[in-house]
């Protein structure tokens, strides 16, 4: 008896939420893609800055004519 009540409850919840999920599935996919894109760009910028930070002392040792100052 309890199992039937629990399954009925979950069936009602699934029935009520299925329309919501179908309606916003494309929006959720677009938001997820945007979040992944931003996270990847932040990852790339972070490691690019680390790489440039390692080269910065070498840049300071260059002759003045090469640096443009």
PDB file of N, CA and C in Angstrom:
ATOM      1  N   UNK A   1       0.813  -1.196   0.000  1.00  0.00           N
ATOM      2  CA  UNK A   1       0.000   0.000   0.000  1.00  0.00           C
ATOM      3  C   UNK A   1       0.857   1.260   0.000  1.00  0.00           C
ATOM      4  N   UNK A   2       1.897   1.294   0.843  1.00  0.00           N
ATOM      5  CA  UNK A   2       2.761   2.471   0.910  1.00  0.00           C
ATOM      6  C   UNK A   2       3.504   2.681  -0.406  1.00  0.00           C
ATOM      7  N   UNK A   3       3.902   1.577  -1.014  1.00  0.00           N
ATOM      8  CA  UNK A   3       4.636   1.692  -2.271  1.00  0.00           C
ATOM      9  C   UNK A   3       3.764   2.354  -3.335  1.00  0.00           C
ATOM     10  N   UNK A   4       2.502   1.990  -3.409  1.00  0.00           N
ATOM     11  CA  UNK A   4       1.606   2.591  -4.390  1.00  0.00           C
ATOM     12  C   UNK A   4       1.431   4.087  -4.146  1.00  0.00           C
ATOM     13  N   UNK A   5       1.360   4.486  -2.890  1.00  0.00           N
ATOM     14  CA  UNK A   5       1.210   5.906  -2.562  1.00  0.00           C
ATOM     15  C   UNK A   5       2.457   6.689  -2.967  1.00  0.00           C
ATOM     16  N   UNK A   6       3.622   6.119  -2.682  1.00  0.00           N
ATOM     17  CA  UNK A   6       4.877   6.789  -3.028  1.00  0.00           C
ATOM     18  C   UNK A   6       5.033   6.882  -4.540  1.00  0.00           C
ATOM     19  N   UNK A   7       4.742   5.799  -5.249  1.00  0.00           N
ATOM     20  CA  UNK A   7       4.846   5.836  -6.706  1.00  0.00           C
ATOM     21  C   UNK A   7       3.846   6.809  -7.306  1.00  0.00           C
ATOM     22  N   UNK A   8       2.648   6.881  -6.723  1.00  0.00           N
ATOM     23  CA  UNK A   8       1.662   7.846  -7.190  1.00  0.00           C
ATOM     24  C   UNK A   8       2.121   9.280  -6.970  1.00  0.00           C
ATOM     25  N   UNK A   9       2.764   9.525  -5.810  1.00  0.00           N
ATOM     26  CA  UNK A   9       3.280  10.857  -5.517  1.00  0.00           C
ATOM     27  C   UNK A   9       4.354  11.260  -6.528  1.00  0.00           C
ATOM     28  N   UNK A  10       5.304  10.358  -6.781  1.00  0.00           N
ATOM     29  CA  UNK A  10       6.348  10.657  -7.753  1.00  0.00           C
ATOM     30  C   UNK A  10       5.769  10.801  -9.160  1.00  0.00           C
ATOM     31  N   UNK A  11       4.767  10.016  -9.490  1.00  0.00           N
ATOM     32  CA  UNK A  11       4.114  10.148 -10.786  1.00  0.00           C
ATOM     33  C   UNK A  11       3.470  11.510 -10.955  1.00  0.00           C
ATOM     34  N   UNK A  12       2.817  12.012  -9.908  1.00  0.00           N
ATOM     35  CA  UNK A  12       2.213  13.347  -9.955  1.00  0.00           C
ATOM     36  C   UNK A  12       3.273  14.437 -10.117  1.00  0.00           C
ATOM     37  N   UNK A  13       4.372  14.310  -9.369  1.00  0.00           N
ATOM     38  CA  UNK A  13       5.448  15.305  -9.458  1.00  0.00           C
ATOM     39  C   UNK A  13       6.053  15.304 -10.859  1.00  0.00           C
ATOM     40  N   UNK A  14       6.310  14.115 -11.398  1.00  0.00           N
ATOM     41  CA  UNK A  14       6.865  14.024 -12.747  1.00  0.00           C
ATOM     42  C   UNK A  14       5.910  14.612 -13.779  1.00  0.00           C
ATOM     43  N   UNK A  15       4.636  14.353 -13.617  1.00  0.00           N
ATOM     44  CA  UNK A  15       3.653  14.877 -14.553  1.00  0.00           C
ATOM     45  C   UNK A  15       3.563  16.387 -14.522  1.00  0.00           C
ATOM     46  N   UNK A  16       3.669  16.965 -13.341  1.00  0.00           N
ATOM     47  CA  UNK A  16       3.586  18.419 -13.211  1.00  0.00           C
ATOM     48  C   UNK A  16       4.852  19.113 -13.684  1.00  0.00           C
ATOM     49  N   UNK A  17       6.013  18.496 -13.461  1.00  0.00           N
ATOM     50  CA  UNK A  17       7.277  19.127 -13.833  1.00  0.00           C
ATOM     51  C   UNK A  17       7.702  18.845 -15.265  1.00  0.00           C
ATOM     52  N   UNK A  18       7.134  17.851 -15.903  1.00  0.00           N
ATOM     53  CA  UNK A  18       7.600  17.496 -17.247  1.00  0.00           C
ATOM     54  C   UNK A  18       7.363  18.623 -18.238  1.00  0.00           C
ATOM     55  N   UNK A  19       6.226  19.318 -18.140  1.00  0.00           N
ATOM     56  CA  UNK A  19       5.971  20.450 -19.037  1.00  0.00           C
ATOM     57  C   UNK A  19       6.955  21.579 -18.820  1.00  0.00           C
ATOM     58  N   UNK A  20       7.305  21.843 -17.580  1.00  0.00           N
ATOM     59  CA  UNK A  20       8.269  22.892 -17.258  1.00  0.00           C
ATOM     60  C   UNK A  20       9.641  22.558 -17.821  1.00  0.00           C
ATOM     61  N   UNK A  21      10.061  21.324 -17.644  1.00  0.00           N
ATOM     62  CA  UNK A  21      11.383  20.917 -18.119  1.00  0.00           C
ATOM     63  C   UNK A  21      11.451  20.960 -19.639  1.00  0.00           C
ATOM     64  N   UNK A  22      10.406  20.512 -20.317  1.00  0.00           N
ATOM     65  CA  UNK A  22      10.403  20.531 -21.778  1.00  0.00           C
ATOM     66  C   UNK A  22      10.426  21.961 -22.288  1.00  0.00           C
ATOM     67  N   UNK A  23       9.690  22.852 -21.633  1.00  0.00           N
ATOM     68  CA  UNK A  23       9.606  24.239 -22.091  1.00  0.00           C
ATOM     69  C   UNK A  23      10.942  24.966 -21.932  1.00  0.00           C
ATOM     70  N   UNK A  24      11.696  24.657 -20.904  1.00  0.00           N
ATOM     71  CA  UNK A  24      12.926  25.400 -20.625  1.00  0.00           C
ATOM     72  C   UNK A  24      14.195  24.604 -20.906  1.00  0.00           C
ATOM     73  N   UNK A  25      14.071  23.494 -21.577  1.00  0.00           N
ATOM     74  CA  UNK A  25      15.245  22.665 -21.864  1.00  0.00           C
ATOM     75  C   UNK A  25      16.245  23.411 -22.755  1.00  0.00           C
ATOM     76  N   UNK A  26      15.757  24.086 -23.782  1.00  0.00           N
ATOM     77  CA  UNK A  26      16.648  24.808 -24.689  1.00  0.00           C
ATOM     78  C   UNK A  26      17.319  25.968 -23.972  1.00  0.00           C
ATOM     79  N   UNK A  27      16.574  26.681 -23.124  1.00  0.00           N
ATOM     80  CA  UNK A  27      17.164  27.784 -22.372  1.00  0.00           C
ATOM     81  C   UNK A  27      18.243  27.281 -21.423  1.00  0.00           C
ATOM     82  N   UNK A  28      17.971  26.160 -20.770  1.00  0.00           N
ATOM     83  CA  UNK A  28      18.955  25.604 -19.847  1.00  0.00           C
ATOM     84  C   UNK A  28      20.207  25.167 -20.603  1.00  0.00           C
ATOM     85  N   UNK A  29      20.035  24.613 -21.797  1.00  0.00           N
ATOM     86  CA  UNK A  29      21.189  24.192 -22.592  1.00  0.00           C
ATOM     87  C   UNK A  29      22.015  25.393 -23.019  1.00  0.00           C
ATOM     88  N   UNK A  30      21.349  26.493 -23.377  1.00  0.00           N
ATOM     89  CA  UNK A  30      22.083  27.695 -23.779  1.00  0.00           C
ATOM     90  C   UNK A  30      22.842  28.291 -22.600  1.00  0.00           C
ATOM     91  N   UNK A  31      22.224  28.307 -21.431  1.00  0.00           N
ATOM     92  CA  UNK A  31      22.906  28.834 -20.246  1.00  0.00           C
ATOM     93  C   UNK A  31      24.091  27.958 -19.887  1.00  0.00           C
ATOM     94  N   UNK A  32      23.927  26.657 -19.955  1.00  0.00           N
ATOM     95  CA  UNK A  32      25.031  25.752 -19.654  1.00  0.00           C
ATOM     96  C   UNK A  32      26.181  25.941 -20.645  1.00  0.00           C
ATOM     97  N   UNK A  33      25.865  26.109 -21.921  1.00  0.00           N
ATOM     98  CA  UNK A  33      26.903  26.349 -22.926  1.00  0.00           C
ATOM     99  C   UNK A  33      27.633  27.650 -22.647  1.00  0.00           C
ATOM    100  N   UNK A  34      26.905  28.697 -22.251  1.00  0.00           N
ATOM    101  CA  UNK A  34      27.531  29.978 -21.930  1.00  0.00           C
ATOM    102  C   UNK A  34      28.446  29.852 -20.719  1.00  0.00           C
ATOM    103  N   UNK A  35      28.001  29.135 -19.706  1.00  0.00           N
ATOM    104  CA  UNK A  35      28.823  28.943 -18.510  1.00  0.00           C
ATOM    105  C   UNK A  35      30.096  28.178 -18.848  1.00  0.00           C
ATOM    106  N   UNK A  36      29.971  27.135 -19.667  1.00  0.00           N
ATOM    107  CA  UNK A  36      31.156  26.369 -20.070  1.00  0.00           C
ATOM    108  C   UNK A  36      32.113  27.235 -20.888  1.00  0.00           C
ATOM    109  N   UNK A  37      31.571  28.053 -21.787  1.00  0.00           N
ATOM    110  CA  UNK A  37      32.393  28.942 -22.603  1.00  0.00           C
ATOM    111  C   UNK A  37      33.153  29.935 -21.727  1.00  0.00           C
ATOM    112  N   UNK A  38      32.470  30.547 -20.773  1.00  0.00           N
ATOM    113  CA  UNK A  38      33.121  31.504 -19.885  1.00  0.00           C
ATOM    114  C   UNK A  38      34.158  30.833 -19.000  1.00  0.00           C
ATOM    115  N   UNK A  39      33.852  29.649 -18.503  1.00  0.00           N
ATOM    116  CA  UNK A  39      34.814  28.936 -17.660  1.00  0.00           C
ATOM    117  C   UNK A  39      36.065  28.569 -18.447  1.00  0.00           C
ATOM    118  N   UNK A  40      35.899  28.145 -19.691  1.00  0.00           N
ATOM    119  CA  UNK A  40      37.056  27.804 -20.518  1.00  0.00           C
ATOM    120  C   UNK A  40      37.899  29.040 -20.789  1.00  0.00           C
ATOM    121  N   UNK A  41      37.250  30.171 -21.093  1.00  0.00           N
ATOM    122  CA  UNK A  41      38.003  31.393 -21.358  1.00  0.00           C
ATOM    123  C   UNK A  41      38.746  31.869 -20.117  1.00  0.00           C
ATOM    124  N   UNK A  42      38.122  31.744 -18.955  1.00  0.00           N
ATOM    125  CA  UNK A  42      38.815  32.122 -17.729  1.00  0.00           C
ATOM    126  C   UNK A  42      40.014  31.208 -17.488  1.00  0.00           C
ATOM    127  N   UNK A  43      39.876  29.930 -17.815  1.00  0.00           N
ATOM    128  CA  UNK A  43      40.971  28.971 -17.685  1.00  0.00           C
ATOM    129  C   UNK A  43      42.136  29.364 -18.596  1.00  0.00           C
ATOM    130  N   UNK A  44      41.822  29.710 -19.838  1.00  0.00           N
ATOM    131  CA  UNK A  44      42.859  30.082 -20.803  1.00  0.00           C
ATOM    132  C   UNK A  44      43.549  31.370 -20.371  1.00  0.00           C
ATOM    133  N   UNK A  45      42.779  32.363 -19.959  1.00  0.00           N
ATOM    134  CA  UNK A  45      43.357  33.644 -19.532  1.00  0.00           C
ATOM    135  C   UNK A  45      44.242  33.446 -18.310  1.00  0.00           C
ATOM    136  N   UNK A  46      43.817  32.615 -17.381  1.00  0.00           N
ATOM    137  CA  UNK A  46      44.612  32.358 -16.182  1.00  0.00           C
ATOM    138  C   UNK A  46      45.985  31.803 -16.543  1.00  0.00           C
ATOM    139  N   UNK A  47      46.010  30.776 -17.410  1.00  0.00           N
ATOM    140  CA  UNK A  47      47.298  30.190 -17.755  1.00  0.00           C
ATOM    141  C   UNK A  47      48.108  31.081 -18.684  1.00  0.00           C
ATOM    142  N   UNK A  48      47.444  31.901 -19.473  1.00  0.00           N
ATOM    143  CA  UNK A  48      48.166  32.879 -20.290  1.00  0.00           C
ATOM    144  C   UNK A  48      48.847  33.909 -19.396  1.00  0.00           C
ATOM    145  N   UNK A  49      48.154  34.364 -18.374  1.00  0.00           N
ATOM    146  CA  UNK A  49      48.754  35.314 -17.443  1.00  0.00           C
ATOM    147  C   UNK A  49      49.905  34.689 -16.670  1.00  0.00           C
ATOM    148  N   UNK A  50      49.774  33.423 -16.304  1.00  0.00           N
ATOM    149  CA  UNK A  50      50.886  32.747 -15.640  1.00  0.00           C
ATOM    150  C   UNK A  50      52.100  32.671 -16.561  1.00  0.00           C
ATOM    151  N   UNK A  51      51.851  32.371 -17.837  1.00  0.00           N
ATOM    152  CA  UNK A  51      52.943  32.283 -18.799  1.00  0.00           C
ATOM    153  C   UNK A  51      53.607  33.640 -18.995  1.00  0.00           C
ATOM    154  N   UNK A  52      52.810  34.688 -19.131  1.00  0.00           N
ATOM    155  CA  UNK A  52      53.366  36.026 -19.311  1.00  0.00           C
ATOM    156  C   UNK A  52      54.090  36.509 -18.061  1.00  0.00           C
ATOM    157  N   UNK A  53      53.614  36.118 -16.892  1.00  0.00           N
ATOM    158  CA  UNK A  53      54.274  36.512 -15.653  1.00  0.00           C
ATOM    159  C   UNK A  53      55.668  35.895 -15.566  1.00  0.00           C
ATOM    160  N   UNK A  54      55.827  34.703 -16.118  1.00  0.00           N
ATOM    161  CA  UNK A  54      57.155  34.090 -16.118  1.00  0.00           C
ATOM    162  C   UNK A  54      58.081  34.791 -17.100  1.00  0.00           C
ATOM    163  N   UNK A  55      57.529  35.359 -18.188  1.00  0.00           N
ATOM    164  CA  UNK A  55      58.354  36.039 -19.182  1.00  0.00           C
ATOM    165  C   UNK A  55      58.636  37.489 -18.827  1.00  0.00           C
ATOM    166  N   UNK A  56      57.907  38.060 -17.892  1.00  0.00           N
ATOM    167  CA  UNK A  56      58.045  39.480 -17.574  1.00  0.00           C
ATOM    168  C   UNK A  56      59.473  39.869 -17.191  1.00  0.00           C
ATOM    169  N   UNK A  57      60.198  39.122 -16.349  1.00  0.00           N
ATOM    170  CA  UNK A  57      61.587  39.512 -16.051  1.00  0.00           C
ATOM    171  C   UNK A  57      62.472  39.505 -17.297  1.00  0.00           C
ATOM    172  N   UNK A  58      62.228  38.603 -18.229  1.00  0.00           N
ATOM    173  CA  UNK A  58      63.016  38.571 -19.469  1.00  0.00           C
ATOM    174  C   UNK A  58      62.736  39.825 -20.286  1.00  0.00           C
ATOM    175  N   UNK A  59      61.485  40.263 -20.322  1.00  0.00           N
ATOM    176  CA  UNK A  59      61.099  41.469 -21.045  1.00  0.00           C
ATOM    177  C   UNK A  59      61.813  42.694 -20.475  1.00  0.00           C
ATOM    178  N   UNK A  60      61.992  42.740 -19.170  1.00  0.00           N
ATOM    179  CA  UNK A  60      62.658  43.877 -18.550  1.00  0.00           C
ATOM    180  C   UNK A  60      64.146  43.917 -18.881  1.00  0.00           C
ATOM    181  N   UNK A  61      64.726  42.784 -19.232  1.00  0.00           N
ATOM    182  CA  UNK A  61      66.149  42.736 -19.544  1.00  0.00           C
ATOM    183  C   UNK A  61      66.455  43.109 -20.989  1.00  0.00           C
ATOM    184  N   UNK A  62      65.437  43.254 -21.831  1.00  0.00           N
ATOM    185  CA  UNK A  62      65.661  43.593 -23.236  1.00  0.00           C
ATOM    186  C   UNK A  62      66.215  45.006 -23.356  1.00  0.00           C
ATOM    187  N   UNK A  63      66.997  45.262 -24.403  1.00  0.00           N
ATOM    188  CA  UNK A  63      67.500  46.615 -24.626  1.00  0.00           C
ATOM    189  C   UNK A  63      66.346  47.602 -24.807  1.00  0.00           C
ATOM    190  N   UNK A  64      66.569  48.836 -24.483  1.00  0.00           N
ATOM    191  CA  UNK A  64      65.506  49.861 -24.543  1.00  0.00           C
ATOM    192  C   UNK A  64      64.996  50.033 -25.961  1.00  0.00           C
ATOM    193  N   UNK A  65      65.846  49.887 -26.967  1.00  0.00           N
ATOM    194  CA  UNK A  65      65.404  50.089 -28.353  1.00  0.00           C
ATOM    195  C   UNK A  65      64.380  49.033 -28.772  1.00  0.00           C
ATOM    196  N   UNK A  66      64.428  47.824 -28.202  1.00  0.00           N
ATOM    197  CA  UNK A  66      63.479  46.786 -28.560  1.00  0.00           C
ATOM    198  C   UNK A  66      62.151  46.928 -27.830  1.00  0.00           C
ATOM    199  N   UNK A  67      62.159  47.585 -26.681  1.00  0.00           N
ATOM    200  CA  UNK A  67      60.935  47.709 -25.925  1.00  0.00           C
ATOM    201  C   UNK A  67      60.085  48.873 -26.391  1.00  0.00           C
ATOM    202  N   UNK A  68      60.637  49.805 -27.137  1.00  0.00           N
ATOM    203  CA  UNK A  68      59.883  50.938 -27.650  1.00  0.00           C
ATOM    204  C   UNK A  68      59.860  52.131 -26.706  1.00  0.00           C
ATOM    205  N   UNK A  69      60.622  52.085 -25.635  1.00  0.00           N
ATOM    206  CA  UNK A  69      60.663  53.221 -24.696  1.00  0.00           C
ATOM    207  C   UNK A  69      62.000  53.923 -24.765  1.00  0.00           C
TER     208      UNK A  69
END
